Amino acid sequence: MKYGSLILEKKEYVYLKRILNISGYAENFETQKSLQRLTDEIKTAHIVDEDEVPDDVIRINSKVRVISGNGWEKTVQVVMPMDKDLKQNKISILTPMGAALIGYSKNDIIIWDFPGGKQQLQIVDVDQEKHIVISI
């Protein structure tokens, strides 16, 4: 991990904690496992002000290009649950892929349990879209 731990912007961290607290009833066991792992990971995350978040860290609304250990490559945008749109490759932070990516950075390699089994992902590129304003 490039920065030693997840890096989360303060307001996004508070938002994540809130939605993780109320998302205890995920559709399936694999999704629930991913959300539990994210909950555990954010306990040791480095929480920073907006202007301290490195440009290559995955945040809400970041577009991310990943390559899997299985050889597939995909570009997705990690978004809030109400903004998900699979046709536009917008994935919710509450999906296994969204939970796996948030807080990691370019060139990080993640090993995560997905519904299809454990996979290795390499983050190839991170592009910052406009960030949402989260009121807390």
C-alpha atoms as a PDB file:
ATOM      1  CA  MET A   1       0.000   0.000   0.000  1.00  0.00           C
ATOM      2  CA  LYS A   2       1.559   3.207  -1.223  1.00  0.00           C
ATOM      3  CA  TYR A   3       0.646   5.382   1.778  1.00  0.00           C
ATOM      4  CA  GLY A   4       0.696   2.670   4.466  1.00  0.00           C
ATOM      5  CA  SER A   5      -3.053   2.810   5.166  1.00  0.00           C
ATOM      6  CA  LEU A   6      -6.273   3.931   3.551  1.00  0.00           C
ATOM      7  CA  ILE A   7      -6.557   7.688   3.144  1.00  0.00           C
ATOM      8  CA  LEU A   8     -10.001   9.201   3.552  1.00  0.00           C
ATOM      9  CA  GLU A   9     -11.178  12.791   3.483  1.00  0.00           C
ATOM     10  CA  LYS A  10     -12.896  13.743   6.779  1.00  0.00           C
ATOM     11  CA  LYS A  11     -16.431  14.281   5.450  1.00  0.00           C
ATOM     12  CA  GLU A  12     -16.265  11.162   3.271  1.00  0.00           C
ATOM     13  CA  TYR A  13     -15.053   9.201   6.310  1.00  0.00           C
ATOM     14  CA  VAL A  14     -18.020  10.367   8.402  1.00  0.00           C
ATOM     15  CA  TYR A  15     -20.401   9.598   5.520  1.00  0.00           C
ATOM     16  CA  LEU A  16     -18.898   6.106   5.091  1.00  0.00           C
ATOM     17  CA  LYS A  17     -19.199   5.353   8.799  1.00  0.00           C
ATOM     18  CA  ARG A  18     -22.858   6.397   8.730  1.00  0.00           C
ATOM     19  CA  ILE A  19     -23.840   4.357   5.701  1.00  0.00           C
ATOM     20  CA  LEU A  20     -21.861   1.352   6.908  1.00  0.00           C
ATOM     21  CA  ASN A  21     -23.713   1.506  10.238  1.00  0.00           C
ATOM     22  CA  ILE A  22     -27.089   1.369   8.500  1.00  0.00           C
ATOM     23  CA  SER A  23     -26.114  -1.107   5.766  1.00  0.00           C
ATOM     24  CA  GLY A  24     -26.043  -4.138   8.042  1.00  0.00           C
ATOM     25  CA  TYR A  25     -28.682  -5.813   5.945  1.00  0.00           C
ATOM     26  CA  ALA A  26     -26.870  -6.267   2.622  1.00  0.00           C
ATOM     27  CA  GLU A  27     -28.501  -8.349  -0.083  1.00  0.00           C
ATOM     28  CA  ASN A  28     -26.071 -11.233   0.243  1.00  0.00           C
ATOM     29  CA  PHE A  29     -23.325 -12.687   2.385  1.00  0.00           C
ATOM     30  CA  GLU A  30     -20.450 -11.725   0.042  1.00  0.00           C
ATOM     31  CA  THR A  31     -21.524  -8.080  -0.016  1.00  0.00           C
ATOM     32  CA  GLN A  32     -21.881  -8.126   3.770  1.00  0.00           C
ATOM     33  CA  LYS A  33     -18.333  -9.554   4.085  1.00  0.00           C
ATOM     34  CA  SER A  34     -16.957  -6.753   1.885  1.00  0.00           C
ATOM     35  CA  LEU A  35     -18.717  -4.091   3.942  1.00  0.00           C
ATOM     36  CA  GLN A  36     -17.403  -5.625   7.170  1.00  0.00           C
ATOM     37  CA  ARG A  37     -13.869  -5.601   5.790  1.00  0.00           C
ATOM     38  CA  LEU A  38     -14.265  -1.955   4.763  1.00  0.00           C
ATOM     39  CA  THR A  39     -15.564  -1.162   8.257  1.00  0.00           C
ATOM     40  CA  ASP A  40     -12.454  -2.812   9.721  1.00  0.00           C
ATOM     41  CA  GLU A  41     -10.107  -1.024   7.302  1.00  0.00           C
ATOM     42  CA  ILE A  42     -11.456   2.453   7.981  1.00  0.00           C
ATOM     43  CA  LYS A  43     -10.682   1.991  11.681  1.00  0.00           C
ATOM     44  CA  THR A  44      -6.988   2.376  10.807  1.00  0.00           C
ATOM     45  CA  ALA A  45      -7.423   4.833   7.915  1.00  0.00           C
ATOM     46  CA  HIS A  46      -5.535   8.096   7.818  1.00  0.00           C
ATOM     47  CA  ILE A  47      -8.241  10.802   7.962  1.00  0.00           C
ATOM     48  CA  VAL A  48      -7.257  14.111   6.342  1.00  0.00           C
ATOM     49  CA  ASP A  49      -8.668  17.467   5.293  1.00  0.00           C
ATOM     50  CA  GLU A  50      -9.827  17.826   1.670  1.00  0.00           C
ATOM     51  CA  ASP A  51      -6.708  19.736   0.596  1.00  0.00           C
ATOM     52  CA  GLU A  52      -4.454  17.001   2.035  1.00  0.00           C
ATOM     53  CA  VAL A  53      -5.900  14.108  -0.009  1.00  0.00           C
ATOM     54  CA  PRO A  54      -3.329  13.040  -2.624  1.00  0.00           C
ATOM     55  CA  ASP A  55      -4.665  13.222  -6.204  1.00  0.00           C
ATOM     56  CA  ASP A  56      -4.126   9.493  -6.772  1.00  0.00           C
ATOM     57  CA  VAL A  57      -6.273   8.334  -3.822  1.00  0.00           C
ATOM     58  CA  ILE A  58      -9.672   6.839  -4.678  1.00  0.00           C
ATOM     59  CA  ARG A  59     -12.517   8.922  -3.294  1.00  0.00           C
ATOM     60  CA  ILE A  60     -16.237   9.129  -3.883  1.00  0.00           C
ATOM     61  CA  ASN A  61     -16.669  10.046  -7.582  1.00  0.00           C
ATOM     62  CA  SER A  62     -13.143   8.951  -8.582  1.00  0.00           C
ATOM     63  CA  LYS A  63     -12.820   7.114 -11.887  1.00  0.00           C
ATOM     64  CA  VAL A  64     -10.568   4.107 -11.465  1.00  0.00           C
ATOM     65  CA  ARG A  65      -8.934   1.770 -13.976  1.00  0.00           C
ATOM     66  CA  VAL A  66      -8.101  -1.652 -12.552  1.00  0.00           C
ATOM     67  CA  ILE A  67      -6.533  -4.825 -13.904  1.00  0.00           C
ATOM     68  CA  SER A  68      -7.353  -8.120 -12.233  1.00  0.00           C
ATOM     69  CA  GLY A  69      -5.023 -11.001 -11.631  1.00  0.00           C
ATOM     70  CA  ASN A  70      -7.314 -12.916 -14.018  1.00  0.00           C
ATOM     71  CA  GLY A  71      -6.417 -10.532 -16.840  1.00  0.00           C
ATOM     72  CA  TRP A  72      -9.553  -8.435 -17.234  1.00  0.00           C
ATOM     73  CA  GLU A  73      -9.364  -4.636 -17.192  1.00  0.00           C
ATOM     74  CA  LYS A  74     -12.157  -2.243 -16.301  1.00  0.00           C
ATOM     75  CA  THR A  75     -12.733   1.445 -15.620  1.00  0.00           C
ATOM     76  CA  VAL A  76     -15.366   2.267 -13.011  1.00  0.00           C
ATOM     77  CA  GLN A  77     -16.493   5.316 -11.082  1.00  0.00           C
ATOM     78  CA  VAL A  78     -17.022   4.842  -7.338  1.00  0.00           C
ATOM     79  CA  VAL A  79     -20.189   6.731  -6.355  1.00  0.00           C
ATOM     80  CA  MET A  80     -22.705   7.117  -3.559  1.00  0.00           C
ATOM     81  CA  PRO A  81     -25.394   4.399  -3.516  1.00  0.00           C
ATOM     82  CA  MET A  82     -28.118   6.592  -5.041  1.00  0.00           C
ATOM     83  CA  ASP A  83     -25.854   7.514  -7.994  1.00  0.00           C
ATOM     84  CA  LYS A  84     -25.021   3.971  -9.096  1.00  0.00           C
ATOM     85  CA  ASP A  85     -25.585   3.246 -12.786  1.00  0.00           C
ATOM     86  CA  LEU A  86     -24.053   0.045 -14.101  1.00  0.00           C
ATOM     87  CA  LYS A  87     -24.639   1.077 -17.736  1.00  0.00           C
ATOM     88  CA  GLN A  88     -22.292   4.019 -17.140  1.00  0.00           C
ATOM     89  CA  ASN A  89     -19.883   1.924 -14.997  1.00  0.00           C
ATOM     90  CA  LYS A  90     -20.841   3.865 -11.857  1.00  0.00           C
ATOM     91  CA  ILE A  91     -20.585   1.490  -8.902  1.00  0.00           C
ATOM     92  CA  SER A  92     -21.845   2.103  -5.406  1.00  0.00           C
ATOM     93  CA  ILE A  93     -19.428   2.403  -2.524  1.00  0.00           C
ATOM     94  CA  LEU A  94     -21.578  -0.330  -0.933  1.00  0.00           C
ATOM     95  CA  THR A  95     -20.764  -2.948  -3.593  1.00  0.00           C
ATOM     96  CA  PRO A  96     -17.834  -5.338  -3.107  1.00  0.00           C
ATOM     97  CA  MET A  97     -15.821  -3.530  -5.841  1.00  0.00           C
ATOM     98  CA  GLY A  98     -16.604  -0.060  -4.441  1.00  0.00           C
ATOM     99  CA  ALA A  99     -15.721  -1.164  -0.911  1.00  0.00           C
ATOM    100  CA  ALA A 100     -12.500  -2.741  -2.197  1.00  0.00           C
ATOM    101  CA  LEU A 101     -11.280   0.422  -3.944  1.00  0.00           C
ATOM    102  CA  ILE A 102     -12.125   3.362  -1.678  1.00  0.00           C
ATOM    103  CA  GLY A 103      -9.114   4.912   0.056  1.00  0.00           C
ATOM    104  CA  TYR A 104      -6.502   3.025  -1.969  1.00  0.00           C
ATOM    105  CA  SER A 105      -4.238   4.745  -4.508  1.00  0.00           C
ATOM    106  CA  LYS A 106      -2.691   4.336  -7.942  1.00  0.00           C
ATOM    107  CA  ASN A 107      -0.366   1.306  -8.198  1.00  0.00           C
ATOM    108  CA  ASP A 108      -1.768  -0.316  -5.039  1.00  0.00           C
ATOM    109  CA  ILE A 109      -2.536  -4.016  -5.288  1.00  0.00           C
ATOM    110  CA  ILE A 110      -5.595  -5.266  -3.419  1.00  0.00           C
ATOM    111  CA  ILE A 111      -6.609  -8.831  -2.662  1.00  0.00           C
ATOM    112  CA  TRP A 112     -10.338  -8.900  -1.966  1.00  0.00           C
ATOM    113  CA  ASP A 113     -13.112 -11.476  -1.584  1.00  0.00           C
ATOM    114  CA  PHE A 114     -15.645 -10.899  -4.362  1.00  0.00           C
ATOM    115  CA  PRO A 115     -18.816 -12.899  -4.991  1.00  0.00           C
ATOM    116  CA  GLY A 116     -16.862 -14.911  -7.601  1.00  0.00           C
ATOM    117  CA  GLY A 117     -14.027 -15.601  -5.168  1.00  0.00           C
ATOM    118  CA  LYS A 118     -10.809 -13.961  -4.023  1.00  0.00           C
ATOM    119  CA  GLN A 119      -9.194 -11.727  -6.644  1.00  0.00           C
ATOM    120  CA  GLN A 120      -6.158  -9.526  -6.938  1.00  0.00           C
ATOM    121  CA  LEU A 121      -6.664  -6.040  -8.377  1.00  0.00           C
ATOM    122  CA  GLN A 122      -4.020  -3.560  -9.411  1.00  0.00           C
ATOM    123  CA  ILE A 123      -5.079   0.077  -9.522  1.00  0.00           C
ATOM    124  CA  VAL A 124      -3.661   1.377 -12.790  1.00  0.00           C
ATOM    125  CA  ASP A 125      -5.077   4.887 -12.877  1.00  0.00           C
ATOM    126  CA  VAL A 126      -7.179   7.240 -10.746  1.00  0.00           C
ATOM    127  CA  ASP A 127      -8.945  10.252 -12.219  1.00  0.00           C
ATOM    128  CA  GLN A 128     -10.637  12.734  -9.900  1.00  0.00           C
ATOM    129  CA  GLU A 129     -14.074  13.882 -10.948  1.00  0.00           C
ATOM    130  CA  LYS A 130     -15.807  16.698  -9.123  1.00  0.00           C
ATOM    131  CA  HIS A 131     -16.293  15.772  -5.494  1.00  0.00           C
ATOM    132  CA  ILE A 132     -19.591  15.915  -3.771  1.00  0.00           C
ATOM    133  CA  VAL A 133     -20.263  18.188  -0.887  1.00  0.00           C
ATOM    134  CA  ILE A 134     -21.263  16.058   2.076  1.00  0.00           C
ATOM    135  CA  SER A 135     -22.982  17.818   4.900  1.00  0.00           C
ATOM    136  CA  ILE A 136     -22.459  16.241   8.285  1.00  0.00           C
END
